[in-house]
């Protein structure tokens, strides 16, 4: 479905294809250059190659238990969201979420639209009942977005991340029950 952003750009939320690998790899590398809110450093991101990115996409295409959606604005990939179902039977009711948007596209509602699409997918998923993730405690805008979707803080790892500047940052765990069985 095509949507419109405040800057007049058109936005499409869609599943990836293997042909997206070069662009997805490039935005991953760009995101690690422009944001310290990701666990990967830019040096770590540079170790991934095209084949790695194709394998990353392939795992989502071949495994219906997991979800990868892309945000495409004016034909350019500008963000993505993943939900990975717990691997063991005792955690199959859990889905771990990851989301990222290029800095130039922040504050345009792309994160909200990715979250909406992913949570709708979870509502239809046969097993996932709870969505959870970790977020840097200093990522206030993201935390507010998650709270707006009803996610609650359920834990905190003091000094869970050591930033590239050597400063420690708490890691907050948030979760939301999507379904009651």
Protein backbone atom coordinates (compact mmCIF):
# COMPACT_ATOMS: atom_id res chain seq x y z
CA UNK A 1 0.00 0.00 0.00
CA UNK A 2 1.30 3.44 -0.93
CA UNK A 3 1.32 6.12 1.77
CA UNK A 4 2.43 9.73 1.81
CA UNK A 5 5.01 11.30 4.11
CA UNK A 6 4.97 14.89 5.46
CA UNK A 7 7.71 15.87 2.98
CA UNK A 8 5.53 14.74 0.04
CA UNK A 9 7.42 11.51 -0.60
CA UNK A 10 5.56 8.29 -1.26
CA UNK A 11 6.18 5.42 1.15
CA UNK A 12 5.68 1.72 0.56
CA UNK A 13 6.08 -0.91 3.28
CA UNK A 14 6.91 -4.22 1.64
CA UNK A 15 8.66 -7.54 1.96
CA UNK A 16 12.18 -7.77 0.52
CA UNK A 17 13.46 -9.61 -2.52
CA UNK A 18 17.01 -10.87 -3.05
CA UNK A 19 17.48 -7.97 -5.47
CA UNK A 20 17.26 -5.62 -2.45
CA UNK A 21 20.50 -7.01 -0.98
CA UNK A 22 22.89 -4.33 -2.33
CA UNK A 23 20.69 -1.45 -1.19
CA UNK A 24 19.90 -3.05 2.17
CA UNK A 25 23.60 -3.66 2.82
CA UNK A 26 24.39 -0.05 1.96
CA UNK A 27 21.74 1.42 4.27
CA UNK A 28 22.87 -0.91 7.07
CA UNK A 29 26.39 0.46 6.68
CA UNK A 30 25.07 4.03 6.46
CA UNK A 31 22.95 3.58 9.60
CA UNK A 32 25.99 2.42 11.56
CA UNK A 33 27.86 5.56 10.39
CA UNK A 34 25.13 7.99 11.38
CA UNK A 35 23.65 6.52 14.57
CA UNK A 36 25.06 5.16 17.81
CA UNK A 37 21.69 3.58 18.66
CA UNK A 38 22.56 0.31 16.85
CA UNK A 39 24.54 -2.50 18.44
CA UNK A 40 26.77 -2.90 15.39
CA UNK A 41 29.62 -0.45 14.88
CA UNK A 42 30.44 0.81 11.41
CA UNK A 43 33.63 -1.32 11.37
CA UNK A 44 31.57 -4.42 12.15
CA UNK A 45 29.02 -3.53 9.47
CA UNK A 46 31.80 -3.22 6.90
CA UNK A 47 32.71 -6.89 7.46
CA UNK A 48 29.40 -7.98 5.92
CA UNK A 49 29.38 -8.57 2.19
CA UNK A 50 26.72 -8.93 -0.46
CA UNK A 51 26.48 -12.71 0.02
CA UNK A 52 25.90 -12.17 3.77
CA UNK A 53 23.10 -9.73 3.01
CA UNK A 54 21.53 -12.11 0.50
CA UNK A 55 21.65 -14.86 3.14
CA UNK A 56 20.08 -12.48 5.66
CA UNK A 57 17.18 -11.76 3.30
CA UNK A 58 16.88 -15.41 2.27
CA UNK A 59 16.36 -16.53 5.88
CA UNK A 60 13.27 -14.31 6.05
CA UNK A 61 11.97 -15.36 2.65
CA UNK A 62 12.28 -19.06 3.50
CA UNK A 63 11.13 -18.93 7.11
CA UNK A 64 7.52 -17.79 7.66
CA UNK A 65 8.12 -17.74 11.44
CA UNK A 66 10.10 -14.52 11.02
CA UNK A 67 9.35 -11.17 9.36
CA UNK A 68 11.44 -8.62 7.50
CA UNK A 69 9.73 -5.53 6.08
CA UNK A 70 11.33 -2.66 4.20
CA UNK A 71 10.30 0.98 4.09
CA UNK A 72 10.81 2.37 0.60
CA UNK A 73 10.45 6.10 -0.04
CA UNK A 74 10.51 7.32 -3.62
CA UNK A 75 12.13 4.04 -4.69
CA UNK A 76 14.91 4.13 -2.04
CA UNK A 77 15.04 1.79 0.96
CA UNK A 78 15.05 4.05 4.04
CA UNK A 79 14.27 1.65 6.88
CA UNK A 80 13.47 -1.86 7.97
CA UNK A 81 11.88 -3.86 10.75
CA UNK A 82 12.34 -7.47 11.77
CA UNK A 83 10.52 -9.81 14.09
CA UNK A 84 12.22 -13.09 14.94
CA UNK A 85 10.24 -15.81 16.64
CA UNK A 86 11.89 -17.59 19.57
CA UNK A 87 13.79 -20.66 18.35
CA UNK A 88 13.06 -23.05 21.19
CA UNK A 89 9.57 -24.41 21.80
CA UNK A 90 9.44 -22.80 25.24
CA UNK A 91 10.03 -19.38 23.66
CA UNK A 92 8.03 -19.80 20.47
CA UNK A 93 5.46 -17.40 21.93
CA UNK A 94 8.05 -14.59 21.81
CA UNK A 95 8.97 -12.34 18.90
CA UNK A 96 12.07 -10.16 19.10
CA UNK A 97 11.75 -6.87 17.24
CA UNK A 98 14.46 -4.80 15.56
CA UNK A 99 13.88 -1.54 13.72
CA UNK A 100 16.03 1.12 12.05
CA UNK A 101 15.42 4.16 9.83
CA UNK A 102 17.98 6.31 8.02
CA UNK A 103 18.62 9.58 9.88
CA UNK A 104 17.44 11.79 6.99
CA UNK A 105 14.05 10.07 7.27
CA UNK A 106 13.59 10.34 11.05
CA UNK A 107 10.50 12.17 12.39
CA UNK A 108 8.36 11.45 9.33
CA UNK A 109 6.28 8.60 10.76
CA UNK A 110 8.22 5.80 9.06
CA UNK A 111 9.00 4.02 12.33
CA UNK A 112 5.35 4.23 13.34
CA UNK A 113 4.24 2.80 10.01
CA UNK A 114 6.80 -0.03 10.18
CA UNK A 115 5.67 -0.84 13.74
CA UNK A 116 2.01 -0.85 12.69
CA UNK A 117 2.67 -3.24 9.80
CA UNK A 118 4.83 -5.57 11.90
CA UNK A 119 2.35 -5.71 14.79
CA UNK A 120 -0.47 -6.49 12.37
CA UNK A 121 1.63 -9.42 11.12
CA UNK A 122 2.10 -10.60 14.72
CA UNK A 123 -1.66 -10.46 15.30
CA UNK A 124 -2.07 -12.99 12.46
CA UNK A 125 0.92 -15.15 13.50
CA UNK A 126 -0.12 -18.53 14.86
CA UNK A 127 2.26 -18.59 17.82
CA UNK A 128 3.77 -15.22 18.72
CA UNK A 129 1.97 -13.67 21.70
CA UNK A 130 4.56 -11.25 23.10
CA UNK A 131 6.87 -8.87 21.26
CA UNK A 132 10.04 -7.71 23.02
CA UNK A 133 13.30 -5.90 22.31
CA UNK A 134 16.10 -3.92 23.91
CA UNK A 135 16.66 -0.21 23.36
CA UNK A 136 19.43 2.16 24.42
CA UNK A 137 18.22 4.18 27.42
CA UNK A 138 19.34 7.43 25.74
CA UNK A 139 17.22 6.78 22.62
CA UNK A 140 14.35 8.85 23.97
CA UNK A 141 12.43 9.28 20.70
CA UNK A 142 12.39 5.53 20.07
CA UNK A 143 11.30 4.81 23.64
CA UNK A 144 8.42 7.27 23.25
CA UNK A 145 7.37 5.60 19.99
CA UNK A 146 7.36 2.21 21.72
CA UNK A 147 5.36 3.57 24.65
CA UNK A 148 2.84 5.02 22.20
CA UNK A 149 2.34 1.46 20.93
CA UNK A 150 1.76 0.19 24.47
CA UNK A 151 5.19 -1.33 25.12
CA UNK A 152 6.30 -1.27 28.75
CA UNK A 153 9.74 -1.34 30.29
CA UNK A 154 10.21 -4.76 31.84
CA UNK A 155 13.88 -4.67 32.67
CA UNK A 156 17.09 -2.70 32.57
CA UNK A 157 20.70 -3.78 32.18
CA UNK A 158 22.85 -1.08 33.80
CA UNK A 159 25.81 -0.27 31.56
CA UNK A 160 24.53 -2.83 29.04
CA UNK A 161 26.24 -1.03 26.16
CA UNK A 162 29.62 0.66 25.94
CA UNK A 163 29.39 3.38 23.33
CA UNK A 164 32.04 4.08 20.74
CA UNK A 165 33.02 7.08 22.89
CA UNK A 166 33.68 4.79 25.87
CA UNK A 167 30.59 5.92 27.77
CA UNK A 168 28.28 3.29 29.27
CA UNK A 169 24.58 3.31 28.43
CA UNK A 170 21.83 1.33 30.12
CA UNK A 171 19.95 -1.14 27.94
CA UNK A 172 16.17 -1.16 28.49
CA UNK A 173 14.09 -4.24 27.72
CA UNK A 174 10.53 -3.51 26.62
CA UNK A 175 7.67 -5.86 25.83
CA UNK A 176 4.01 -6.00 24.93
CA UNK A 177 1.52 -8.85 25.01
CA UNK A 178 -0.19 -8.83 21.63
CA UNK A 179 -2.57 -11.76 22.14
CA UNK A 180 -4.21 -13.46 25.08
CA UNK A 181 -4.88 -17.16 24.66
